[in-house]
Amino acid sequence: MVSVFRYGGDTTTPFVCGFEGLGRIVSKGEDVKLDLNQPVAYMVNGAFSEYIVVNQREAIPVPALDKRFLTLMVSGITAEISLRKIGEIKAGELFVN
């Protein structure tokens, strides 16, 4: 039996496109510790919107608005899912080759 893992499998149509994005903080709540104009990467449904509200936990500061940062996020999530689900790596275990 083959298992299939998906990103955001709970989304139903119609929906706003996009899952990973880059942007600058243009407005923020008073408890948000990130700075205005800080470039951030995020992975939330609707990422292709012109503006999007992102929870501070989902906004990852990046040095610049460079599309190469998007590939790191997707690759990292894919590696994490592979190790956890396919490799069955548990918290506290070490992977040694």
C-alpha atoms as a PDB file:
ATOM      1  CA  MET A   1       0.000   0.000   0.000  1.00  0.00           C
ATOM      2  CA  VAL A   2       1.320   3.455  -0.940  1.00  0.00           C
ATOM      3  CA  SER A   3       0.525   6.457   1.255  1.00  0.00           C
ATOM      4  CA  VAL A   4       0.102   9.883  -0.304  1.00  0.00           C
ATOM      5  CA  PHE A   5       0.986  13.002   1.678  1.00  0.00           C
ATOM      6  CA  ARG A   6      -0.253  16.433   0.592  1.00  0.00           C
ATOM      7  CA  TYR A   7       0.268  20.020   1.554  1.00  0.00           C
ATOM      8  CA  GLY A   8      -2.943  21.734   2.675  1.00  0.00           C
ATOM      9  CA  GLY A   9      -5.258  18.830   1.877  1.00  0.00           C
ATOM     10  CA  ASP A  10      -8.144  20.455   3.744  1.00  0.00           C
ATOM     11  CA  THR A  11      -8.682  23.177   1.110  1.00  0.00           C
ATOM     12  CA  THR A  12     -11.907  23.022  -0.871  1.00  0.00           C
ATOM     13  CA  THR A  13     -12.856  24.947  -3.998  1.00  0.00           C
ATOM     14  CA  PRO A  14     -13.219  27.765  -4.638  1.00  0.00           C
ATOM     15  CA  PHE A  15     -10.059  29.031  -2.951  1.00  0.00           C
ATOM     16  CA  VAL A  16      -7.409  31.736  -3.403  1.00  0.00           C
ATOM     17  CA  CYS A  17      -4.336  30.326  -5.181  1.00  0.00           C
ATOM     18  CA  GLY A  18      -0.879  29.950  -3.767  1.00  0.00           C
ATOM     19  CA  PHE A  19       0.729  28.339  -0.770  1.00  0.00           C
ATOM     20  CA  GLU A  20       4.226  29.785  -0.456  1.00  0.00           C
ATOM     21  CA  GLY A  21       5.045  33.466  -0.775  1.00  0.00           C
ATOM     22  CA  LEU A  22       7.408  36.330  -0.082  1.00  0.00           C
ATOM     23  CA  GLY A  23       6.497  39.824   0.944  1.00  0.00           C
ATOM     24  CA  ARG A  24       7.170  42.791   3.167  1.00  0.00           C
ATOM     25  CA  ILE A  25       5.312  43.607   6.354  1.00  0.00           C
ATOM     26  CA  VAL A  26       3.192  46.677   5.529  1.00  0.00           C
ATOM     27  CA  SER A  27       1.045  46.702   8.683  1.00  0.00           C
ATOM     28  CA  LYS A  28       1.150  44.823  11.972  1.00  0.00           C
ATOM     29  CA  GLY A  29      -0.578  44.310  15.290  1.00  0.00           C
ATOM     30  CA  GLU A  30       0.822  45.930  18.408  1.00  0.00           C
ATOM     31  CA  ASP A  31       2.162  42.626  19.811  1.00  0.00           C
ATOM     32  CA  VAL A  32       4.034  41.676  16.617  1.00  0.00           C
ATOM     33  CA  LYS A  33       7.797  41.734  17.123  1.00  0.00           C
ATOM     34  CA  LEU A  34       8.735  41.906  13.426  1.00  0.00           C
ATOM     35  CA  ASP A  35       9.518  45.311  11.886  1.00  0.00           C
ATOM     36  CA  LEU A  36       7.565  47.155   9.212  1.00  0.00           C
ATOM     37  CA  ASN A  37       9.114  46.584   5.760  1.00  0.00           C
ATOM     38  CA  GLN A  38      10.812  43.380   7.026  1.00  0.00           C
ATOM     39  CA  PRO A  39      10.990  40.864   4.163  1.00  0.00           C
ATOM     40  CA  VAL A  40       9.340  37.581   5.188  1.00  0.00           C
ATOM     41  CA  ALA A  41       8.599  34.205   3.655  1.00  0.00           C
ATOM     42  CA  TYR A  42       5.399  32.353   4.522  1.00  0.00           C
ATOM     43  CA  MET A  43       3.465  29.218   3.665  1.00  0.00           C
ATOM     44  CA  VAL A  44      -0.282  29.826   3.897  1.00  0.00           C
ATOM     45  CA  ASN A  45      -3.215  29.258   1.552  1.00  0.00           C
ATOM     46  CA  GLY A  46      -3.896  32.326  -0.570  1.00  0.00           C
ATOM     47  CA  ALA A  47      -0.213  33.305  -0.830  1.00  0.00           C
ATOM     48  CA  PHE A  48      -0.639  34.637  -4.377  1.00  0.00           C
ATOM     49  CA  SER A  49      -2.879  37.468  -3.106  1.00  0.00           C
ATOM     50  CA  GLU A  50      -1.719  41.065  -3.471  1.00  0.00           C
ATOM     51  CA  TYR A  51      -2.059  41.451   0.319  1.00  0.00           C
ATOM     52  CA  ILE A  52      -2.464  38.708   2.910  1.00  0.00           C
ATOM     53  CA  VAL A  53      -2.807  38.537   6.670  1.00  0.00           C
ATOM     54  CA  VAL A  54      -0.204  36.169   8.095  1.00  0.00           C
ATOM     55  CA  ASN A  55       0.144  35.109  11.715  1.00  0.00           C
ATOM     56  CA  GLN A  56       3.485  36.103  13.237  1.00  0.00           C
ATOM     57  CA  ARG A  57       4.298  32.384  13.780  1.00  0.00           C
ATOM     58  CA  GLU A  58       3.992  31.841  10.004  1.00  0.00           C
ATOM     59  CA  ALA A  59       6.151  34.830   8.960  1.00  0.00           C
ATOM     60  CA  ILE A  60       9.787  33.781   8.617  1.00  0.00           C
ATOM     61  CA  PRO A  61      12.199  36.736   8.361  1.00  0.00           C
ATOM     62  CA  VAL A  62      14.484  36.562   5.318  1.00  0.00           C
ATOM     63  CA  PRO A  63      17.339  38.898   4.319  1.00  0.00           C
ATOM     64  CA  ALA A  64      15.747  39.981   1.027  1.00  0.00           C
ATOM     65  CA  LEU A  65      12.805  39.403  -1.306  1.00  0.00           C
ATOM     66  CA  ASP A  66      14.659  36.797  -3.336  1.00  0.00           C
ATOM     67  CA  LYS A  67      12.706  33.965  -4.989  1.00  0.00           C
ATOM     68  CA  ARG A  68      15.433  31.495  -3.995  1.00  0.00           C
ATOM     69  CA  PHE A  69      14.139  31.602  -0.401  1.00  0.00           C
ATOM     70  CA  LEU A  70      10.880  29.979  -1.553  1.00  0.00           C
ATOM     71  CA  THR A  71      12.715  26.884  -2.745  1.00  0.00           C
ATOM     72  CA  LEU A  72      14.350  26.470   0.674  1.00  0.00           C
ATOM     73  CA  MET A  73      10.970  26.484   2.410  1.00  0.00           C
ATOM     74  CA  VAL A  74       9.361  23.926   0.101  1.00  0.00           C
ATOM     75  CA  SER A  75      12.463  21.712   0.152  1.00  0.00           C
ATOM     76  CA  GLY A  76      12.626  21.909   3.943  1.00  0.00           C
ATOM     77  CA  ILE A  77       8.969  20.938   4.385  1.00  0.00           C
ATOM     78  CA  THR A  78       9.364  18.073   1.902  1.00  0.00           C
ATOM     79  CA  ALA A  79      12.450  16.790   3.752  1.00  0.00           C
ATOM     80  CA  GLU A  80      10.682  17.052   7.120  1.00  0.00           C
ATOM     81  CA  ILE A  81       7.634  15.127   5.878  1.00  0.00           C
ATOM     82  CA  SER A  82       9.871  12.481   4.281  1.00  0.00           C
ATOM     83  CA  LEU A  83      11.923  11.933   7.419  1.00  0.00           C
ATOM     84  CA  ARG A  84       8.925  11.906   9.750  1.00  0.00           C
ATOM     85  CA  LYS A  85       6.405   9.939   7.662  1.00  0.00           C
ATOM     86  CA  ILE A  86       8.506   7.713   5.404  1.00  0.00           C
ATOM     87  CA  GLY A  87      11.690   7.414   7.490  1.00  0.00           C
ATOM     88  CA  GLU A  88       9.679   7.284  10.731  1.00  0.00           C
ATOM     89  CA  ILE A  89      12.263   9.482  12.494  1.00  0.00           C
ATOM     90  CA  LYS A  90      11.124  10.331  16.029  1.00  0.00           C
ATOM     91  CA  ALA A  91      12.032  13.296  18.247  1.00  0.00           C
ATOM     92  CA  GLY A  92      15.403  12.698  19.911  1.00  0.00           C
ATOM     93  CA  GLU A  93      16.620  10.150  17.351  1.00  0.00           C
ATOM     94  CA  LEU A  94      19.769  10.754  15.343  1.00  0.00           C
ATOM     95  CA  PHE A  95      20.205   9.874  11.689  1.00  0.00           C
ATOM     96  CA  VAL A  96      23.742   8.550  11.129  1.00  0.00           C
ATOM     97  CA  ASN A  97      25.060   7.294   7.833  1.00  0.00           C
END
